[in-house]
Amino acid sequence: MSSTRWILATLGVVAIAGGVGTYWLMQRYLLDQTQQLQLTMRNEQQTRRVIVAAQEIGIGETLSADNLALRPIPVRYLPSDSVTADNAQTLDGRKALVAIGRGEPVTTRFITSRTLRLAAQLLPGTRAVTVVLDESGTQAGLLRPGDLVDVLLIAADLRSGSLDPTVRPLLAAVRVLATGQEQDRIDPEAANNTFNTATLAVSPDEAQRIVLAQQAGRLSLILRAPDDLAAHTAQITRFSSLFATPSGAVGTKRAGIELLIGGHGAGMRRVVLPRGGR
């Protein structure tokens, strides 16, 4: 009889523990669901002011203040390339590549570029040539289409038979047409500024010089002021000249080795030994 009571008591304890555990799990589940629902509601309530179509916009129709409007849209429903309020002015004059329904966000992928295709930017008699650059030659990504640059060639001085690196001015005041694949940017703050090529507007002869120079060494672009069209004044710079000591400066080499012989005062005399002598 006592063993039966012990079994029943044990079962009762197990049942109570199971009930408590089930209750705790249910509470945990409900708490997680509540938190998830609250997070979802917050995301749905978070909005961003973007440009939308104020009316139906057909294919090829020009965008303007008459057919565009500014509306807050929940962030979770926004395309990643939606045009925000800060960039509204960049849309004026562009055309729709697809039909945009009333109230739909305007996205950059479905509108034309503000600039013409590259070939259409070239004047008669000019050519577009692309050069490969490292980070130092791109001004760390700050170079922009429309900038003026000087083109420098870094290569060994093969004409003198020396491997001493030299920097030679190649071209001056050259217009940048594109950096990487960018001819213009709708949002410079968000754009990826990393690139390793630049496309320049040059004459046919200059294009040939650039192509040949890229085979001989490395090119670097030096940024100019927007209205600086002056010719090159820089000369060829050799690596060895970086460590040359100007004439008359401290440390200038003498013709020989100077020795001081004797004791103090008048008994001391100066002797200069020729270099290489003993």
Protein backbone atom coordinates (compact mmCIF):
# COMPACT_ATOMS: atom_id res chain seq x y z
CA MET A 1 0.00 0.00 0.00
CA SER A 2 2.81 2.35 0.91
CA SER A 3 4.57 1.63 -2.41
CA THR A 4 1.39 2.48 -4.32
CA ARG A 5 1.14 5.80 -2.53
CA TRP A 6 4.79 6.52 -3.33
CA ILE A 7 4.21 5.81 -7.04
CA LEU A 8 1.12 8.00 -7.10
CA ALA A 9 2.97 10.79 -5.33
CA THR A 10 5.84 10.53 -7.80
CA LEU A 11 3.44 10.66 -10.74
CA GLY A 12 1.75 13.66 -9.21
CA VAL A 13 5.05 15.50 -8.86
CA VAL A 14 5.97 14.64 -12.44
CA ALA A 15 2.59 15.85 -13.67
CA ILE A 16 2.91 19.11 -11.79
CA ALA A 17 6.46 19.64 -13.07
CA GLY A 18 5.30 18.89 -16.62
CA GLY A 19 2.46 21.37 -16.27
CA VAL A 20 4.79 24.05 -14.97
CA GLY A 21 7.26 23.38 -17.80
CA THR A 22 4.49 23.49 -20.41
CA TYR A 23 3.17 26.73 -18.96
CA TRP A 24 6.68 28.28 -19.03
CA LEU A 25 7.22 27.20 -22.64
CA MET A 26 3.83 28.61 -23.67
CA GLN A 27 4.62 31.91 -21.95
CA ARG A 28 8.01 32.01 -23.66
CA TYR A 29 6.45 31.30 -27.04
CA LEU A 30 3.80 33.96 -26.58
CA LEU A 31 6.43 36.48 -25.46
CA ASP A 32 8.57 35.76 -28.55
CA GLN A 33 5.56 36.08 -30.83
CA THR A 34 4.58 39.36 -29.18
CA GLN A 35 8.08 40.78 -29.61
CA GLN A 36 8.19 39.64 -33.24
CA LEU A 37 4.82 41.26 -33.90
CA GLN A 38 5.95 44.50 -32.28
CA LEU A 39 9.14 44.51 -34.40
CA THR A 40 7.13 43.89 -37.57
CA MET A 41 4.76 46.72 -36.70
CA ARG A 42 7.67 49.08 -36.07
CA ASN A 43 9.23 48.19 -39.42
CA GLU A 44 5.93 48.76 -41.17
CA GLN A 45 5.53 52.12 -39.47
CA GLN A 46 9.10 53.28 -40.32
CA THR A 47 8.88 55.38 -43.48
CA ARG A 48 11.13 57.30 -45.84
CA ARG A 49 10.17 60.25 -48.03
CA VAL A 50 10.75 59.28 -51.67
CA ILE A 51 9.71 60.46 -55.12
CA VAL A 52 6.59 58.77 -56.54
CA ALA A 53 4.55 59.19 -59.70
CA ALA A 54 1.79 61.74 -59.04
CA GLN A 55 -0.05 60.34 -62.08
CA GLU A 56 0.35 57.60 -64.64
CA ILE A 57 3.67 58.09 -66.44
CA GLY A 58 4.03 56.42 -69.83
CA ILE A 59 7.14 54.99 -71.48
CA GLY A 60 9.34 57.80 -72.80
CA GLU A 61 7.47 60.49 -70.89
CA THR A 62 9.64 63.25 -69.41
CA LEU A 63 9.77 63.51 -65.63
CA SER A 64 9.02 66.89 -64.08
CA ALA A 65 7.43 68.54 -61.06
CA ASP A 66 4.06 68.20 -62.82
CA ASN A 67 4.00 64.39 -62.74
CA LEU A 68 6.05 63.68 -59.62
CA ALA A 69 5.28 63.95 -55.91
CA LEU A 70 6.94 63.38 -52.55
CA ARG A 71 5.39 60.71 -50.34
CA PRO A 72 6.36 58.79 -47.17
CA ILE A 73 6.56 55.06 -47.95
CA PRO A 74 7.20 52.21 -45.47
CA VAL A 75 10.88 51.30 -45.70
CA ARG A 76 10.20 47.56 -45.97
CA TYR A 77 8.31 48.10 -49.22
CA LEU A 78 10.85 50.43 -50.85
CA PRO A 79 13.11 49.28 -53.73
CA SER A 80 16.78 49.78 -52.89
CA ASP A 81 17.29 52.29 -55.74
CA SER A 82 14.31 54.52 -54.92
CA VAL A 83 14.99 58.22 -55.43
CA THR A 84 14.87 60.08 -52.11
CA ALA A 85 13.78 63.64 -51.43
CA ASP A 86 17.40 64.84 -51.31
CA ASN A 87 17.88 63.85 -54.97
CA ALA A 88 14.57 65.02 -56.38
CA GLN A 89 16.21 67.75 -58.51
CA THR A 90 18.26 65.17 -60.40
CA LEU A 91 15.12 63.70 -62.00
CA ASP A 92 14.05 66.81 -63.90
CA GLY A 93 14.27 66.21 -67.65
CA ARG A 94 14.87 62.45 -67.51
CA LYS A 95 12.58 60.01 -69.25
CA ALA A 96 10.77 56.89 -68.06
CA LEU A 97 12.04 53.61 -69.54
CA VAL A 98 8.92 51.76 -68.34
CA ALA A 99 5.40 52.78 -67.42
CA ILE A 100 5.20 54.00 -63.80
CA GLY A 101 1.84 53.67 -62.04
CA ARG A 102 0.34 56.43 -59.94
CA GLY A 103 1.84 56.33 -56.45
CA GLU A 104 4.71 54.00 -57.40
CA PRO A 105 8.23 54.98 -56.24
CA VAL A 106 10.55 56.22 -58.99
CA THR A 107 13.70 54.08 -59.23
CA THR A 108 16.95 54.83 -61.02
CA ARG A 109 16.91 51.59 -63.02
CA PHE A 110 13.72 52.59 -64.83
CA ILE A 111 14.72 56.11 -65.93
CA THR A 112 17.24 57.36 -68.47
CA SER A 113 20.66 58.67 -67.51
CA ARG A 114 21.06 62.41 -67.28
CA THR A 115 24.07 62.25 -69.57
CA LEU A 116 24.39 61.11 -73.15
CA ARG A 117 26.06 57.87 -74.06
CA LEU A 118 29.83 58.12 -74.14
CA ALA A 119 30.22 58.35 -77.91
CA ALA A 120 27.75 61.23 -78.06
CA GLN A 121 29.94 63.29 -75.70
CA LEU A 122 32.93 63.28 -78.06
CA LEU A 123 33.61 66.31 -80.22
CA PRO A 124 34.60 65.75 -83.86
CA GLY A 125 38.27 64.77 -84.02
CA THR A 126 38.47 63.53 -80.42
CA ARG A 127 38.74 59.98 -79.13
CA ALA A 128 37.91 58.25 -75.84
CA VAL A 129 40.68 56.13 -74.35
CA THR A 130 40.53 54.17 -71.08
CA VAL A 131 43.55 54.00 -68.78
CA VAL A 132 44.16 51.57 -65.94
CA LEU A 133 45.02 53.21 -62.62
CA ASP A 134 45.92 52.32 -59.05
CA GLU A 135 44.39 54.04 -56.01
CA SER A 136 46.96 56.85 -56.02
CA GLY A 137 46.09 57.61 -59.63
CA THR A 138 42.37 57.95 -58.89
CA GLN A 139 42.77 60.46 -56.03
CA ALA A 140 41.43 57.70 -53.70
CA GLY A 141 38.12 57.57 -55.55
CA LEU A 142 37.52 61.36 -55.53
CA LEU A 143 38.11 61.81 -59.27
CA ARG A 144 34.88 62.73 -61.10
CA PRO A 145 33.72 62.83 -64.72
CA GLY A 146 34.33 66.34 -66.07
CA ASP A 147 37.54 66.90 -64.07
CA LEU A 148 40.76 68.10 -65.73
CA VAL A 149 43.88 66.02 -65.15
CA ASP A 150 47.53 65.78 -66.16
CA VAL A 151 48.73 62.35 -67.28
CA LEU A 152 52.10 61.19 -65.95
CA LEU A 153 54.07 58.12 -67.02
CA ILE A 154 56.08 56.21 -64.41
CA ALA A 155 58.57 53.91 -66.14
CA ALA A 156 62.25 52.94 -66.31
CA ASP A 157 64.55 55.21 -68.33
CA LEU A 158 65.16 52.70 -71.12
CA ARG A 159 66.73 55.23 -73.50
CA SER A 160 69.74 55.62 -71.24
CA GLY A 161 69.90 51.90 -70.55
CA SER A 162 69.17 52.54 -66.88
CA LEU A 163 66.49 50.89 -64.76
CA ASP A 164 66.24 54.07 -62.69
CA PRO A 165 62.48 54.86 -62.45
CA THR A 166 61.40 58.17 -63.94
CA VAL A 167 58.25 60.27 -63.98
CA ARG A 168 57.53 61.93 -67.34
CA PRO A 169 54.77 64.43 -68.15
CA LEU A 170 52.72 62.85 -70.93
CA LEU A 171 49.60 65.01 -71.43
CA ALA A 172 48.21 68.15 -69.83
CA ALA A 173 44.68 69.39 -69.06
CA VAL A 174 42.86 66.28 -70.28
CA ARG A 175 39.11 66.00 -69.67
CA VAL A 176 37.82 62.94 -67.76
CA LEU A 177 34.77 61.44 -69.48
CA ALA A 178 34.07 58.58 -67.08
CA THR A 179 35.46 56.90 -63.97
CA GLY A 180 34.97 53.15 -64.06
CA GLN A 181 31.53 52.79 -65.65
CA GLU A 182 30.16 56.01 -64.18
CA GLN A 183 29.42 58.98 -66.42
CA ASP A 184 27.22 60.66 -63.82
CA ARG A 185 25.91 59.86 -60.36
CA ILE A 186 22.38 60.40 -59.14
CA ASP A 187 23.46 60.03 -55.51
CA PRO A 188 27.18 60.73 -54.96
CA GLU A 189 26.84 60.05 -51.23
CA ALA A 190 25.64 56.47 -51.74
CA ALA A 191 27.52 55.66 -54.92
CA ASN A 192 30.41 53.25 -54.91
CA ASN A 193 33.42 55.46 -55.60
CA THR A 194 35.85 52.59 -56.08
CA PHE A 195 37.23 52.26 -59.61
CA ASN A 196 40.52 51.41 -61.29
CA THR A 197 39.98 52.89 -64.76
CA ALA A 198 39.31 56.33 -66.16
CA THR A 199 38.21 57.27 -69.68
CA LEU A 200 39.78 60.42 -71.15
CA ALA A 201 38.91 62.66 -74.11
CA VAL A 202 42.03 63.02 -76.28
CA SER A 203 43.16 63.55 -79.87
CA PRO A 204 43.96 60.51 -82.08
CA ASP A 205 47.72 61.09 -81.64
CA GLU A 206 47.33 61.42 -77.86
CA ALA A 207 45.30 58.21 -77.76
CA GLN A 208 48.18 56.35 -79.44
CA ARG A 209 50.67 57.83 -76.96
CA ILE A 210 48.54 56.68 -74.03
CA VAL A 211 48.15 53.16 -75.43
CA LEU A 212 51.91 52.89 -75.95
CA ALA A 213 52.66 54.42 -72.55
CA GLN A 214 50.54 51.81 -70.80
CA GLN A 215 52.77 49.15 -72.33
CA ALA A 216 55.92 50.93 -71.14
CA GLY A 217 54.93 51.62 -67.55
CA ARG A 218 52.24 52.87 -65.20
CA LEU A 219 50.03 55.95 -65.64
CA SER A 220 48.92 58.34 -62.92
CA LEU A 221 46.38 61.16 -63.18
CA ILE A 222 47.08 64.46 -61.37
CA LEU A 223 43.98 66.54 -60.66
CA ARG A 224 43.87 70.15 -61.94
CA ALA A 225 41.71 73.15 -61.09
CA PRO A 226 38.57 73.28 -63.27
CA ASP A 227 39.73 76.30 -65.31
CA ASP A 228 43.48 75.59 -65.37
CA LEU A 229 44.41 75.00 -69.04
CA ALA A 230 48.08 75.97 -68.78
CA ALA A 231 50.73 73.85 -70.48
CA HIS A 232 53.04 71.49 -68.60
CA THR A 233 55.86 73.11 -66.62
CA ALA A 234 57.08 69.95 -64.87
CA GLN A 235 60.27 68.27 -66.03
CA ILE A 236 61.34 64.64 -66.06
CA THR A 237 62.05 63.45 -62.52
CA ARG A 238 64.37 60.51 -61.88
CA PHE A 239 64.36 58.35 -58.78
CA SER A 240 68.04 59.11 -58.07
CA SER A 241 67.32 62.87 -58.03
CA LEU A 242 65.13 62.44 -54.94
CA PHE A 243 68.28 62.07 -52.82
CA ALA A 244 70.51 64.66 -54.53
CA THR A 245 71.91 67.37 -52.22
CA PRO A 246 71.67 70.94 -53.60
CA SER A 247 74.96 72.72 -54.29
CA GLY A 248 76.25 74.62 -51.26
CA ALA A 249 73.89 72.84 -48.86
CA VAL A 250 75.01 71.18 -45.66
CA GLY A 251 76.31 67.73 -46.41
CA THR A 252 77.71 68.59 -49.86
CA LYS A 253 80.52 66.18 -50.74
CA ARG A 254 84.07 67.61 -50.69
CA ALA A 255 86.90 66.77 -53.01
CA GLY A 256 88.80 64.93 -50.25
CA ILE A 257 88.85 63.84 -46.61
CA GLU A 258 89.75 66.55 -44.13
CA LEU A 259 91.95 65.64 -41.16
CA LEU A 260 92.93 67.78 -38.17
CA ILE A 261 96.48 66.98 -36.94
CA GLY A 262 98.22 68.19 -33.80
CA GLY A 263 97.16 69.49 -30.43
CA HIS A 264 95.30 72.57 -29.36
CA GLY A 265 95.61 76.11 -30.72
CA ALA A 266 98.34 77.10 -33.17
CA GLY A 267 99.92 73.66 -33.12
CA MET A 268 96.93 72.14 -34.93
CA ARG A 269 97.01 71.94 -38.76
CA ARG A 270 94.48 70.86 -41.39
CA VAL A 271 95.33 68.27 -44.07
CA VAL A 272 93.02 67.22 -46.93
CA LEU A 273 93.61 63.74 -48.29
CA PRO A 274 92.47 63.00 -51.83
CA ARG A 275 89.58 60.51 -52.00
CA GLY A 276 90.85 57.05 -52.73
CA GLY A 277 94.36 57.90 -51.45
CA ARG A 278 96.06 56.39 -48.43
